[in-house]
C-alpha atoms as a PDB file:
ATOM      1  CA  MET A   1      62.074   8.207   1.502  1.00  0.00           C
ATOM      2  CA  LEU A   2      58.651   7.017   2.747  1.00  0.00           C
ATOM      3  CA  VAL A   3      58.533   3.922   4.824  1.00  0.00           C
ATOM      4  CA  TRP A   4      55.186   2.142   4.637  1.00  0.00           C
ATOM      5  CA  GLY A   5      55.983  -0.449   7.240  1.00  0.00           C
ATOM      6  CA  ASN A   6      54.587  -3.934   7.410  1.00  0.00           C
ATOM      7  CA  PRO A   7      52.534  -4.817   4.274  1.00  0.00           C
ATOM      8  CA  LYS A   8      49.808  -6.545   6.361  1.00  0.00           C
ATOM      9  CA  THR A   9      49.281  -3.431   8.448  1.00  0.00           C
ATOM     10  CA  VAL A  10      49.085  -1.253   5.361  1.00  0.00           C
ATOM     11  CA  MET A  11      46.486  -3.571   3.779  1.00  0.00           C
ATOM     12  CA  LYS A  12      44.357  -3.546   6.936  1.00  0.00           C
ATOM     13  CA  LYS A  13      44.461   0.244   7.121  1.00  0.00           C
ATOM     14  CA  LEU A  14      43.522   0.542   3.444  1.00  0.00           C
ATOM     15  CA  ILE A  15      40.914  -2.183   3.066  1.00  0.00           C
ATOM     16  CA  THR A  16      38.934  -1.591   6.286  1.00  0.00           C
ATOM     17  CA  PRO A  17      37.738   1.955   5.410  1.00  0.00           C
ATOM     18  CA  LEU A  18      36.996   0.994   1.805  1.00  0.00           C
ATOM     19  CA  LEU A  19      34.984  -2.064   2.812  1.00  0.00           C
ATOM     20  CA  SER A  20      33.077  -0.051   5.428  1.00  0.00           C
ATOM     21  CA  ALA A  21      32.194   2.614   2.863  1.00  0.00           C
ATOM     22  CA  ALA A  22      30.984  -0.025   0.390  1.00  0.00           C
ATOM     23  CA  ILE A  23      28.716  -1.610   3.007  1.00  0.00           C
ATOM     24  CA  ILE A  24      27.242   1.732   4.094  1.00  0.00           C
ATOM     25  CA  PHE A  25      26.550   2.974   0.555  1.00  0.00           C
ATOM     26  CA  GLY A  26      25.161  -0.404  -0.479  1.00  0.00           C
ATOM     27  CA  GLY A  27      22.716  -0.334   2.441  1.00  0.00           C
ATOM     28  CA  LEU A  28      21.588   3.182   1.562  1.00  0.00           C
ATOM     29  CA  PHE A  29      20.889   2.161  -2.024  1.00  0.00           C
ATOM     30  CA  ILE A  30      18.803  -0.859  -1.022  1.00  0.00           C
ATOM     31  CA  GLU A  31      16.823   1.179   1.497  1.00  0.00           C
ATOM     32  CA  SER A  32      16.041   3.924  -1.033  1.00  0.00           C
ATOM     33  CA  THR A  33      14.640   1.458  -3.598  1.00  0.00           C
ATOM     34  CA  ALA A  34      12.512  -0.246  -0.945  1.00  0.00           C
ATOM     35  CA  ARG A  35      11.151   3.119   0.112  1.00  0.00           C
ATOM     36  CA  ALA A  36      10.249   3.960  -3.497  1.00  0.00           C
ATOM     37  CA  ASP A  37       8.020   0.847  -3.660  1.00  0.00           C
ATOM     38  CA  ASP A  38       6.262   1.849  -0.432  1.00  0.00           C
ATOM     39  CA  GLU A  39       5.517   5.329  -1.757  1.00  0.00           C
ATOM     40  CA  LYS A  40       3.145   4.033  -4.446  1.00  0.00           C
ATOM     41  CA  SER A  41      -0.356   5.333  -3.982  1.00  0.00           C
ATOM     42  CA  PRO A  42      -3.098   2.937  -2.863  1.00  0.00           C
ATOM     43  CA  ALA A  43      -4.741   3.383  -6.280  1.00  0.00           C
ATOM     44  CA  GLU A  44      -1.618   2.068  -8.033  1.00  0.00           C
ATOM     45  CA  LYS A  45      -1.422  -0.902  -5.669  1.00  0.00           C
ATOM     46  CA  SER A  46      -5.103  -1.792  -6.153  1.00  0.00           C
ATOM     47  CA  GLU A  47      -4.773  -1.750  -9.957  1.00  0.00           C
ATOM     48  CA  ARG A  48      -2.508  -4.790  -9.833  1.00  0.00           C
ATOM     49  CA  LYS A  49      -4.364  -7.779 -11.270  1.00  0.00           C
ATOM     50  CA  LEU A  50      -4.387 -10.880  -9.119  1.00  0.00           C
ATOM     51  CA  PRO A  51      -5.312 -14.437 -10.156  1.00  0.00           C
ATOM     52  CA  PHE A  52      -8.254 -16.437  -8.827  1.00  0.00           C
ATOM     53  CA  ARG A  53      -9.738 -19.866  -9.472  1.00  0.00           C
ATOM     54  CA  GLY A  54     -12.269 -22.201  -7.955  1.00  0.00           C
ATOM     55  CA  LYS A  55     -15.689 -23.784  -8.217  1.00  0.00           C
ATOM     56  CA  ILE A  56     -18.691 -21.514  -8.711  1.00  0.00           C
ATOM     57  CA  LYS A  57     -21.050 -21.565  -5.741  1.00  0.00           C
ATOM     58  CA  ALA A  58     -23.524 -18.887  -6.866  1.00  0.00           C
ATOM     59  CA  VAL A  59     -24.275 -16.616  -9.827  1.00  0.00           C
ATOM     60  CA  ASP A  60     -26.314 -13.413  -9.445  1.00  0.00           C
ATOM     61  CA  VAL A  61     -27.165 -11.862 -12.805  1.00  0.00           C
ATOM     62  CA  GLU A  62     -28.939  -8.847 -11.237  1.00  0.00           C
ATOM     63  CA  LYS A  63     -25.942  -7.904  -9.069  1.00  0.00           C
ATOM     64  CA  ASN A  64     -23.497  -8.991 -11.806  1.00  0.00           C
ATOM     65  CA  THR A  65     -21.544 -11.209  -9.368  1.00  0.00           C
ATOM     66  CA  ILE A  66     -20.161 -14.715  -9.071  1.00  0.00           C
ATOM     67  CA  SER A  67     -19.356 -16.420  -5.769  1.00  0.00           C
ATOM     68  CA  LEU A  68     -16.694 -19.051  -5.231  1.00  0.00           C
ATOM     69  CA  ASN A  69     -16.232 -21.551  -2.442  1.00  0.00           C
ATOM     70  CA  ALA A  70     -13.778 -20.361   0.190  1.00  0.00           C
ATOM     71  CA  ALA A  71     -11.367 -22.145   2.474  1.00  0.00           C
ATOM     72  CA  LYS A  72     -12.757 -23.638   5.674  1.00  0.00           C
ATOM     73  CA  GLY A  73     -13.779 -21.004   8.181  1.00  0.00           C
ATOM     74  CA  LYS A  74     -13.646 -18.129   5.701  1.00  0.00           C
ATOM     75  CA  PRO A  75     -16.483 -16.320   3.880  1.00  0.00           C
ATOM     76  CA  ASP A  76     -17.178 -17.100   0.228  1.00  0.00           C
ATOM     77  CA  ARG A  77     -15.256 -15.052  -2.307  1.00  0.00           C
ATOM     78  CA  VAL A  78     -17.578 -12.745  -4.249  1.00  0.00           C
ATOM     79  CA  PHE A  79     -16.419 -11.113  -7.487  1.00  0.00           C
ATOM     80  CA  THR A  80     -18.300  -8.303  -9.209  1.00  0.00           C
ATOM     81  CA  LEU A  81     -17.782  -8.350 -12.975  1.00  0.00           C
ATOM     82  CA  ALA A  82     -16.135  -5.125 -14.108  1.00  0.00           C
ATOM     83  CA  LYS A  83     -17.686  -3.132 -16.952  1.00  0.00           C
ATOM     84  CA  ASP A  84     -14.819  -4.162 -19.232  1.00  0.00           C
ATOM     85  CA  ALA A  85     -14.796  -7.807 -18.071  1.00  0.00           C
ATOM     86  CA  LYS A  86     -14.053 -10.519 -20.619  1.00  0.00           C
ATOM     87  CA  LEU A  87     -16.218 -13.577 -19.899  1.00  0.00           C
ATOM     88  CA  THR A  88     -15.664 -16.881 -21.696  1.00  0.00           C
ATOM     89  CA  LEU A  89     -17.290 -20.304 -21.375  1.00  0.00           C
ATOM     90  CA  ASP A  90     -15.126 -23.173 -22.666  1.00  0.00           C
ATOM     91  CA  GLY A  91     -13.119 -20.705 -24.755  1.00  0.00           C
ATOM     92  CA  LYS A  92     -16.112 -18.945 -26.356  1.00  0.00           C
ATOM     93  CA  GLU A  93     -17.537 -15.556 -25.447  1.00  0.00           C
ATOM     94  CA  ALA A  94     -20.459 -15.871 -23.026  1.00  0.00           C
ATOM     95  CA  LYS A  95     -22.921 -13.955 -20.881  1.00  0.00           C
ATOM     96  CA  LEU A  96     -23.283 -14.218 -17.129  1.00  0.00           C
ATOM     97  CA  ALA A  97     -26.665 -15.917 -17.550  1.00  0.00           C
ATOM     98  CA  ASP A  98     -24.897 -18.828 -19.324  1.00  0.00           C
ATOM     99  CA  ILE A  99     -22.797 -19.596 -16.237  1.00  0.00           C
ATOM    100  CA  LYS A 100     -24.135 -22.292 -13.899  1.00  0.00           C
ATOM    101  CA  VAL A 101     -23.359 -23.310 -10.335  1.00  0.00           C
ATOM    102  CA  GLY A 102     -20.731 -26.059 -10.109  1.00  0.00           C
ATOM    103  CA  MET A 103     -18.676 -24.938 -13.110  1.00  0.00           C
ATOM    104  CA  PHE A 104     -14.980 -24.214 -12.692  1.00  0.00           C
ATOM    105  CA  VAL A 105     -13.600 -20.717 -13.101  1.00  0.00           C
ATOM    106  CA  GLY A 106     -10.285 -18.923 -13.226  1.00  0.00           C
ATOM    107  CA  GLY A 107      -9.310 -15.395 -14.091  1.00  0.00           C
ATOM    108  CA  SER A 108      -7.922 -12.118 -12.827  1.00  0.00           C
ATOM    109  CA  TYR A 109      -9.293  -9.428 -10.544  1.00  0.00           C
ATOM    110  CA  THR A 110      -8.405  -6.180  -8.819  1.00  0.00           C
ATOM    111  CA  ARG A 111      -9.304  -5.226  -5.285  1.00  0.00           C
ATOM    112  CA  ALA A 112     -11.826  -2.411  -5.102  1.00  0.00           C
ATOM    113  CA  SER A 113     -11.612  -2.396  -1.297  1.00  0.00           C
ATOM    114  CA  LYS A 114     -10.653  -4.801   1.451  1.00  0.00           C
ATOM    115  CA  THR A 115     -13.900  -6.757   1.001  1.00  0.00           C
ATOM    116  CA  GLU A 116     -14.788  -6.086  -2.661  1.00  0.00           C
ATOM    117  CA  ALA A 117     -13.142  -7.455  -5.804  1.00  0.00           C
ATOM    118  CA  ASN A 118     -13.717  -6.632  -9.481  1.00  0.00           C
ATOM    119  CA  ALA A 119     -13.175  -9.468 -11.938  1.00  0.00           C
ATOM    120  CA  HIS A 120     -11.678  -8.405 -15.273  1.00  0.00           C
ATOM    121  CA  THR A 121     -11.050 -11.771 -16.914  1.00  0.00           C
ATOM    122  CA  VAL A 122     -13.332 -14.722 -16.196  1.00  0.00           C
ATOM    123  CA  ASN A 123     -12.671 -18.059 -17.896  1.00  0.00           C
ATOM    124  CA  VAL A 124     -15.331 -20.665 -17.103  1.00  0.00           C
ATOM    125  CA  LYS A 125     -15.013 -24.384 -17.862  1.00  0.00           C
ATOM    126  CA  THR A 126     -17.788 -26.954 -17.663  1.00  0.00           C
ATOM    127  CA  LYS A 127     -15.263 -29.608 -16.623  1.00  0.00           C
ATOM    128  CA  ARG A 128     -12.297 -29.191 -14.325  1.00  0.00           C
ATOM    129  CA  THR A 129      -9.040 -29.020 -16.233  1.00  0.00           C
ATOM    130  CA  PRO A 130      -6.355 -31.437 -15.053  1.00  0.00           C
ATOM    131  CA  ARG A 131      -3.388 -30.037 -13.169  1.00  0.00           C
ATOM    132  CA  LYS A 132      -0.204 -29.538 -15.139  1.00  0.00           C
ATOM    133  CA  LYS A 133       1.934 -30.516 -12.185  1.00  0.00           C
ATOM    134  CA  GLN A 134       0.839 -33.505 -10.183  1.00  0.00           C
ATOM    135  CA  PRO A 135       1.350 -33.254  -6.431  1.00  0.00           C
ATOM    136  CA  LYS A 136       4.316 -35.185  -5.108  1.00  0.00           C
ATOM    137  CA  LYS A 137       3.486 -38.490  -3.464  1.00  0.00           C
ATOM    138  CA  LYS A 138       4.463 -38.755   0.159  1.00  0.00           C
ATOM    139  CA  ASP A 139       6.573 -41.777   1.013  1.00  0.00           C
END
């Protein structure tokens, strides 16, 4: 007849290795998925579309660019319109020549390099649209 001994001792001897194995294998799984995200090529990372918005500071029809005001101490943000860019003015299709300084813009872009950005969607408004969420008042 087998004698298992004290039930608390048996539980400790059984649970400790199982819990250790679960923690080790769980850590390996998380690390492998994180590594898979890092292995994406720079081209795949740069194709991700990012949002932008602001007030137009300059429009250059010859260079096919728009410039937006930047935060204090930083250079202006310059976006080159992509060949397939969709440009709208107050919801209607427009040309870059129709866009004026001081209008408000929002859209999406991809990074061509660390300093260059290609705008793919550019939505221009003559008047600033009100915020959906009002900032909280400080007491």
